Amino acid sequence: MDAGVALLTEDRKVLGLLPELSIRENVTIASLRTGSRKGLLPRRSQISEADALLDSLRIRAGSYDQPVSSLSGGNQQKVLLARWLLTKPKVIMFDEPTKGIDIGAKGELYDVINGLARQGLAVVVVSSYLPELLGLADRVVVLREDAIAGELPRGASEEDVLQLASGVTPSPRNDRSDNAVGQNT
């Protein structure tokens, strides 16, 4: 966190969220030590900043004081994202960002990820779901046996990724398009 790196973990329920706390408390907990001489944000500014982020991410909840465990998977993921955005990171890493969330929430999260990248935030996405990677990434780095097997540009195909992952060098193609779904990620 001090280095400006934020991680949205793959297992948000065990490693990310504090289910017994409210939505608002889950968002503000990572920022408690910043913003004042005593190490705690003043309650009003804490609530105001957290609520603004939650509103901008369109969290669907009756109240931000309700337990975070009462939210859907997509809204829980957005709560974690709000937590880390409140810390003002330079780099944000998403580990399997759409695991366990519905298709509508996936689209919203993709829009948020692309928006963060357009704003200049460095975004790293780790995903085993190839359409997700190929749709979001400017480039895809493929790992194999604890080493980089290769790097592919925007417009790479699932076949290219699978060839690198299996140890086969992809053949060059002239039919690649720069019209991927995602940008600047």
C-alpha atoms as a PDB file:
ATOM      1  CA  MET A   1       0.000   0.000   0.000  1.00  0.00           C
ATOM      2  CA  ASP A   2       2.803   2.442   0.840  1.00  0.00           C
ATOM      3  CA  ALA A   3       4.297   1.770  -2.597  1.00  0.00           C
ATOM      4  CA  GLY A   4       1.020   2.765  -4.235  1.00  0.00           C
ATOM      5  CA  VAL A   5       0.040  -0.753  -5.293  1.00  0.00           C
ATOM      6  CA  ALA A   6      -3.437  -2.133  -4.644  1.00  0.00           C
ATOM      7  CA  LEU A   7      -4.576  -5.751  -5.089  1.00  0.00           C
ATOM      8  CA  LEU A   8      -8.123  -6.945  -5.558  1.00  0.00           C
ATOM      9  CA  THR A   9      -7.717 -10.560  -4.540  1.00  0.00           C
ATOM     10  CA  GLU A  10      -9.309 -13.509  -6.306  1.00  0.00           C
ATOM     11  CA  ASP A  11     -10.900 -14.684  -3.049  1.00  0.00           C
ATOM     12  CA  ARG A  12     -12.695 -11.541  -1.935  1.00  0.00           C
ATOM     13  CA  LYS A  13     -14.802 -13.338   0.688  1.00  0.00           C
ATOM     14  CA  VAL A  14     -11.841 -14.813   2.592  1.00  0.00           C
ATOM     15  CA  LEU A  15      -8.927 -12.499   1.776  1.00  0.00           C
ATOM     16  CA  GLY A  16     -10.612  -9.232   0.867  1.00  0.00           C
ATOM     17  CA  LEU A  17     -13.823  -8.386   2.661  1.00  0.00           C
ATOM     18  CA  LEU A  18     -14.579  -8.163   6.345  1.00  0.00           C
ATOM     19  CA  PRO A  19     -18.085  -9.675   6.181  1.00  0.00           C
ATOM     20  CA  GLU A  20     -19.181  -8.584   9.649  1.00  0.00           C
ATOM     21  CA  LEU A  21     -18.474  -4.924   8.861  1.00  0.00           C
ATOM     22  CA  SER A  22     -20.673  -2.538   6.926  1.00  0.00           C
ATOM     23  CA  ILE A  23     -20.141  -1.556   3.315  1.00  0.00           C
ATOM     24  CA  ARG A  24     -18.803   1.845   4.383  1.00  0.00           C
ATOM     25  CA  GLU A  25     -16.454   0.335   7.003  1.00  0.00           C
ATOM     26  CA  ASN A  26     -15.068  -2.107   4.425  1.00  0.00           C
ATOM     27  CA  VAL A  27     -14.291   0.793   2.098  1.00  0.00           C
ATOM     28  CA  THR A  28     -12.638   3.044   4.671  1.00  0.00           C
ATOM     29  CA  ILE A  29     -10.602   0.481   6.612  1.00  0.00           C
ATOM     30  CA  ALA A  30      -7.521   0.656   4.355  1.00  0.00           C
ATOM     31  CA  SER A  31      -7.436   4.461   4.613  1.00  0.00           C
ATOM     32  CA  LEU A  32      -7.744   4.834   8.370  1.00  0.00           C
ATOM     33  CA  ARG A  33      -4.098   5.715   8.831  1.00  0.00           C
ATOM     34  CA  THR A  34      -4.000   8.486   6.242  1.00  0.00           C
ATOM     35  CA  GLY A  35      -5.357  11.983   6.258  1.00  0.00           C
ATOM     36  CA  SER A  36      -4.769  13.376   9.736  1.00  0.00           C
ATOM     37  CA  ARG A  37      -2.212  13.935  12.466  1.00  0.00           C
ATOM     38  CA  LYS A  38      -3.708  11.272  14.718  1.00  0.00           C
ATOM     39  CA  GLY A  39      -3.650   8.605  12.032  1.00  0.00           C
ATOM     40  CA  LEU A  40      -7.387   8.497  11.491  1.00  0.00           C
ATOM     41  CA  LEU A  41      -9.478  10.331   8.955  1.00  0.00           C
ATOM     42  CA  PRO A  42     -12.075  12.606  10.439  1.00  0.00           C
ATOM     43  CA  ARG A  43     -15.350  10.706  10.324  1.00  0.00           C
ATOM     44  CA  ARG A  44     -17.156  13.237   8.126  1.00  0.00           C
ATOM     45  CA  SER A  45     -14.505  13.322   5.407  1.00  0.00           C
ATOM     46  CA  GLN A  46     -14.134   9.548   5.604  1.00  0.00           C
ATOM     47  CA  ILE A  47     -17.848   9.021   5.061  1.00  0.00           C
ATOM     48  CA  SER A  48     -18.077  11.687   2.375  1.00  0.00           C
ATOM     49  CA  GLU A  49     -15.197  10.333   0.294  1.00  0.00           C
ATOM     50  CA  ALA A  50     -16.298   6.702   0.698  1.00  0.00           C
ATOM     51  CA  ASP A  51     -19.898   7.496  -0.205  1.00  0.00           C
ATOM     52  CA  ALA A  52     -18.827   9.432  -3.301  1.00  0.00           C
ATOM     53  CA  LEU A  53     -16.799   6.446  -4.502  1.00  0.00           C
ATOM     54  CA  LEU A  54     -19.605   4.003  -3.737  1.00  0.00           C
ATOM     55  CA  ASP A  55     -22.053   6.226  -5.617  1.00  0.00           C
ATOM     56  CA  SER A  56     -19.731   6.510  -8.623  1.00  0.00           C
ATOM     57  CA  LEU A  57     -19.361   2.712  -8.757  1.00  0.00           C
ATOM     58  CA  ARG A  58     -23.162   2.327  -8.565  1.00  0.00           C
ATOM     59  CA  ILE A  59     -23.195  -0.008  -5.571  1.00  0.00           C
ATOM     60  CA  ARG A  60     -26.703  -1.406  -5.228  1.00  0.00           C
ATOM     61  CA  ALA A  61     -27.544  -1.288  -1.532  1.00  0.00           C
ATOM     62  CA  GLY A  62     -30.326   0.035   0.648  1.00  0.00           C
ATOM     63  CA  SER A  63     -27.767   1.692   2.919  1.00  0.00           C
ATOM     64  CA  TYR A  64     -23.985   1.829   3.075  1.00  0.00           C
ATOM     65  CA  ASP A  65     -24.350   0.876   6.747  1.00  0.00           C
ATOM     66  CA  GLN A  66     -25.662  -2.614   5.912  1.00  0.00           C
ATOM     67  CA  PRO A  67     -23.283  -5.595   6.156  1.00  0.00           C
ATOM     68  CA  VAL A  68     -21.127  -6.075   3.074  1.00  0.00           C
ATOM     69  CA  SER A  69     -22.021  -9.781   3.233  1.00  0.00           C
ATOM     70  CA  SER A  70     -25.584  -8.876   2.165  1.00  0.00           C
ATOM     71  CA  LEU A  71     -24.396  -7.723  -1.279  1.00  0.00           C
ATOM     72  CA  SER A  72     -24.143  -9.659  -4.529  1.00  0.00           C
ATOM     73  CA  GLY A  73     -20.702 -10.778  -5.709  1.00  0.00           C
ATOM     74  CA  GLY A  74     -20.463  -7.942  -8.224  1.00  0.00           C
ATOM     75  CA  ASN A  75     -21.302  -5.305  -5.629  1.00  0.00           C
ATOM     76  CA  GLN A  76     -18.859  -6.871  -3.164  1.00  0.00           C
ATOM     77  CA  GLN A  77     -16.144  -6.602  -5.817  1.00  0.00           C
ATOM     78  CA  LYS A  78     -17.003  -2.929  -6.325  1.00  0.00           C
ATOM     79  CA  VAL A  79     -16.765  -2.355  -2.549  1.00  0.00           C
ATOM     80  CA  LEU A  80     -13.226  -3.776  -2.615  1.00  0.00           C
ATOM     81  CA  LEU A  81     -12.403  -1.598  -5.591  1.00  0.00           C
ATOM     82  CA  ALA A  82     -13.705   1.466  -3.740  1.00  0.00           C
ATOM     83  CA  ARG A  83     -11.535   0.527  -0.741  1.00  0.00           C
ATOM     84  CA  TRP A  84      -8.379   0.519  -2.818  1.00  0.00           C
ATOM     85  CA  LEU A  85      -9.291   3.565  -4.901  1.00  0.00           C
ATOM     86  CA  LEU A  86      -9.683   5.499  -1.648  1.00  0.00           C
ATOM     87  CA  THR A  87      -5.956   4.828  -1.005  1.00  0.00           C
ATOM     88  CA  LYS A  88      -5.144   6.556  -4.329  1.00  0.00           C
ATOM     89  CA  PRO A  89      -2.917   3.807  -5.765  1.00  0.00           C
ATOM     90  CA  LYS A  90      -0.549   4.216  -8.702  1.00  0.00           C
ATOM     91  CA  VAL A  91      -1.024   0.591  -9.763  1.00  0.00           C
ATOM     92  CA  ILE A  92      -4.090  -1.567  -9.260  1.00  0.00           C
ATOM     93  CA  MET A  93      -3.958  -5.320  -9.753  1.00  0.00           C
ATOM     94  CA  PHE A  94      -7.083  -7.371 -10.385  1.00  0.00           C
ATOM     95  CA  ASP A  95      -6.715 -11.113  -9.695  1.00  0.00           C
ATOM     96  CA  GLU A  96      -9.564 -12.954 -11.451  1.00  0.00           C
ATOM     97  CA  PRO A  97     -11.713  -9.796 -11.270  1.00  0.00           C
ATOM     98  CA  THR A  98     -14.982 -11.314 -12.463  1.00  0.00           C
ATOM     99  CA  LYS A  99     -14.858 -14.613 -10.607  1.00  0.00           C
ATOM    100  CA  GLY A 100     -18.262 -15.314  -9.083  1.00  0.00           C
ATOM    101  CA  ILE A 101     -20.094 -12.291 -10.464  1.00  0.00           C
ATOM    102  CA  ASP A 102     -22.996 -12.180 -12.914  1.00  0.00           C
ATOM    103  CA  ILE A 103     -22.728 -11.103 -16.524  1.00  0.00           C
ATOM    104  CA  GLY A 104     -24.225  -7.643 -15.949  1.00  0.00           C
ATOM    105  CA  ALA A 105     -21.752  -6.903 -13.170  1.00  0.00           C
ATOM    106  CA  LYS A 106     -18.920  -8.148 -15.399  1.00  0.00           C
ATOM    107  CA  GLY A 107     -19.762  -5.554 -18.030  1.00  0.00           C
ATOM    108  CA  GLU A 108     -19.887  -2.800 -15.405  1.00  0.00           C
ATOM    109  CA  LEU A 109     -16.538  -3.904 -13.975  1.00  0.00           C
ATOM    110  CA  TYR A 110     -14.956  -3.978 -17.444  1.00  0.00           C
ATOM    111  CA  ASP A 111     -16.164  -0.404 -17.979  1.00  0.00           C
ATOM    112  CA  VAL A 112     -14.646   0.658 -14.644  1.00  0.00           C
ATOM    113  CA  ILE A 113     -11.314  -1.059 -15.401  1.00  0.00           C
ATOM    114  CA  ASN A 114     -11.114   0.598 -18.826  1.00  0.00           C
ATOM    115  CA  GLY A 115     -12.038   3.959 -17.286  1.00  0.00           C
ATOM    116  CA  LEU A 116      -9.281   3.675 -14.683  1.00  0.00           C
ATOM    117  CA  ALA A 117      -6.745   2.938 -17.411  1.00  0.00           C
ATOM    118  CA  ARG A 118      -7.956   5.923 -19.471  1.00  0.00           C
ATOM    119  CA  GLN A 119      -7.444   8.105 -16.380  1.00  0.00           C
ATOM    120  CA  GLY A 120      -3.786   7.036 -16.317  1.00  0.00           C
ATOM    121  CA  LEU A 121      -3.862   4.447 -13.549  1.00  0.00           C
ATOM    122  CA  ALA A 122      -1.638   1.450 -14.270  1.00  0.00           C
ATOM    123  CA  VAL A 123      -3.907  -1.608 -14.374  1.00  0.00           C
ATOM    124  CA  VAL A 124      -2.757  -5.235 -14.240  1.00  0.00           C
ATOM    125  CA  VAL A 125      -5.332  -7.971 -14.805  1.00  0.00           C
ATOM    126  CA  VAL A 126      -4.606 -11.606 -13.953  1.00  0.00           C
ATOM    127  CA  SER A 127      -7.259 -13.891 -15.391  1.00  0.00           C
ATOM    128  CA  SER A 128      -7.646 -17.453 -16.575  1.00  0.00           C
ATOM    129  CA  TYR A 129     -10.633 -16.368 -18.692  1.00  0.00           C
ATOM    130  CA  LEU A 130      -9.070 -15.610 -22.062  1.00  0.00           C
ATOM    131  CA  PRO A 131     -11.917 -13.547 -23.552  1.00  0.00           C
ATOM    132  CA  GLU A 132     -11.635 -11.267 -20.513  1.00  0.00           C
ATOM    133  CA  LEU A 133      -7.893 -10.793 -20.962  1.00  0.00           C
ATOM    134  CA  LEU A 134      -8.077 -10.302 -24.689  1.00  0.00           C
ATOM    135  CA  GLY A 135     -10.935  -7.834 -24.318  1.00  0.00           C
ATOM    136  CA  LEU A 136      -9.277  -5.699 -21.641  1.00  0.00           C
ATOM    137  CA  ALA A 137      -5.568  -5.803 -22.335  1.00  0.00           C
ATOM    138  CA  ASP A 138      -3.254  -3.678 -24.441  1.00  0.00           C
ATOM    139  CA  ARG A 139      -0.872  -6.592 -24.198  1.00  0.00           C
ATOM    140  CA  VAL A 140      -0.948 -10.085 -22.734  1.00  0.00           C
ATOM    141  CA  VAL A 141       2.054 -11.596 -20.978  1.00  0.00           C
ATOM    142  CA  VAL A 142       1.831 -15.392 -20.891  1.00  0.00           C
ATOM    143  CA  LEU A 143       3.536 -17.294 -18.077  1.00  0.00           C
ATOM    144  CA  ARG A 144       4.594 -20.922 -18.355  1.00  0.00           C
ATOM    145  CA  GLU A 145       6.515 -22.919 -15.759  1.00  0.00           C
ATOM    146  CA  ASP A 146       7.273 -19.848 -13.612  1.00  0.00           C
ATOM    147  CA  ALA A 147       8.723 -17.866 -16.514  1.00  0.00           C
ATOM    148  CA  ILE A 148       7.502 -15.492 -19.187  1.00  0.00           C
ATOM    149  CA  ALA A 149       6.669 -17.564 -22.253  1.00  0.00           C
ATOM    150  CA  GLY A 150       5.950 -14.531 -24.385  1.00  0.00           C
ATOM    151  CA  GLU A 151       4.138 -11.261 -24.835  1.00  0.00           C
ATOM    152  CA  LEU A 152       1.296 -10.668 -27.257  1.00  0.00           C
ATOM    153  CA  PRO A 153      -0.108  -7.355 -28.538  1.00  0.00           C
ATOM    154  CA  ARG A 154      -3.726  -6.213 -28.563  1.00  0.00           C
ATOM    155  CA  GLY A 155      -5.605  -8.215 -31.155  1.00  0.00           C
ATOM    156  CA  ALA A 156      -3.952 -11.518 -30.274  1.00  0.00           C
ATOM    157  CA  SER A 157      -6.180 -14.564 -30.458  1.00  0.00           C
ATOM    158  CA  GLU A 158      -7.012 -17.208 -27.875  1.00  0.00           C
ATOM    159  CA  GLU A 159      -5.048 -19.602 -30.080  1.00  0.00           C
ATOM    160  CA  ASP A 160      -1.929 -17.400 -29.768  1.00  0.00           C
ATOM    161  CA  VAL A 161      -2.216 -17.370 -25.973  1.00  0.00           C
ATOM    162  CA  LEU A 162      -2.769 -21.127 -25.782  1.00  0.00           C
ATOM    163  CA  GLN A 163       0.192 -21.810 -28.067  1.00  0.00           C
ATOM    164  CA  LEU A 164       2.511 -19.798 -25.823  1.00  0.00           C
ATOM    165  CA  ALA A 165       1.063 -21.387 -22.690  1.00  0.00           C
ATOM    166  CA  SER A 166       1.700 -24.849 -24.126  1.00  0.00           C
ATOM    167  CA  GLY A 167       5.235 -24.059 -25.286  1.00  0.00           C
ATOM    168  CA  VAL A 168       4.485 -23.527 -28.981  1.00  0.00           C
ATOM    169  CA  THR A 169       5.561 -20.252 -30.590  1.00  0.00           C
ATOM    170  CA  PRO A 170       2.597 -18.574 -32.292  1.00  0.00           C
ATOM    171  CA  SER A 171       2.919 -18.103 -36.025  1.00  0.00           C
ATOM    172  CA  PRO A 172       2.873 -14.508 -37.294  1.00  0.00           C
ATOM    173  CA  ARG A 173      -0.419 -13.297 -38.752  1.00  0.00           C
ATOM    174  CA  ASN A 174      -1.327 -10.405 -40.953  1.00  0.00           C
ATOM    175  CA  ASP A 175      -5.042 -10.471 -40.159  1.00  0.00           C
ATOM    176  CA  ARG A 176      -4.873  -9.095 -36.607  1.00  0.00           C
ATOM    177  CA  SER A 177      -7.129  -6.209 -35.785  1.00  0.00           C
ATOM    178  CA  ASP A 178      -6.517  -3.389 -33.343  1.00  0.00           C
ATOM    179  CA  ASN A 179     -10.221  -3.328 -32.518  1.00  0.00           C
ATOM    180  CA  ALA A 180     -10.147  -5.103 -29.142  1.00  0.00           C
ATOM    181  CA  VAL A 181     -12.917  -4.416 -26.646  1.00  0.00           C
ATOM    182  CA  GLY A 182     -10.642  -3.024 -23.910  1.00  0.00           C
ATOM    183  CA  GLN A 183      -8.156  -0.207 -24.145  1.00  0.00           C
ATOM    184  CA  ASN A 184      -5.127   1.022 -22.212  1.00  0.00           C
ATOM    185  CA  THR A 185      -5.151  -1.692 -19.606  1.00  0.00           C
END
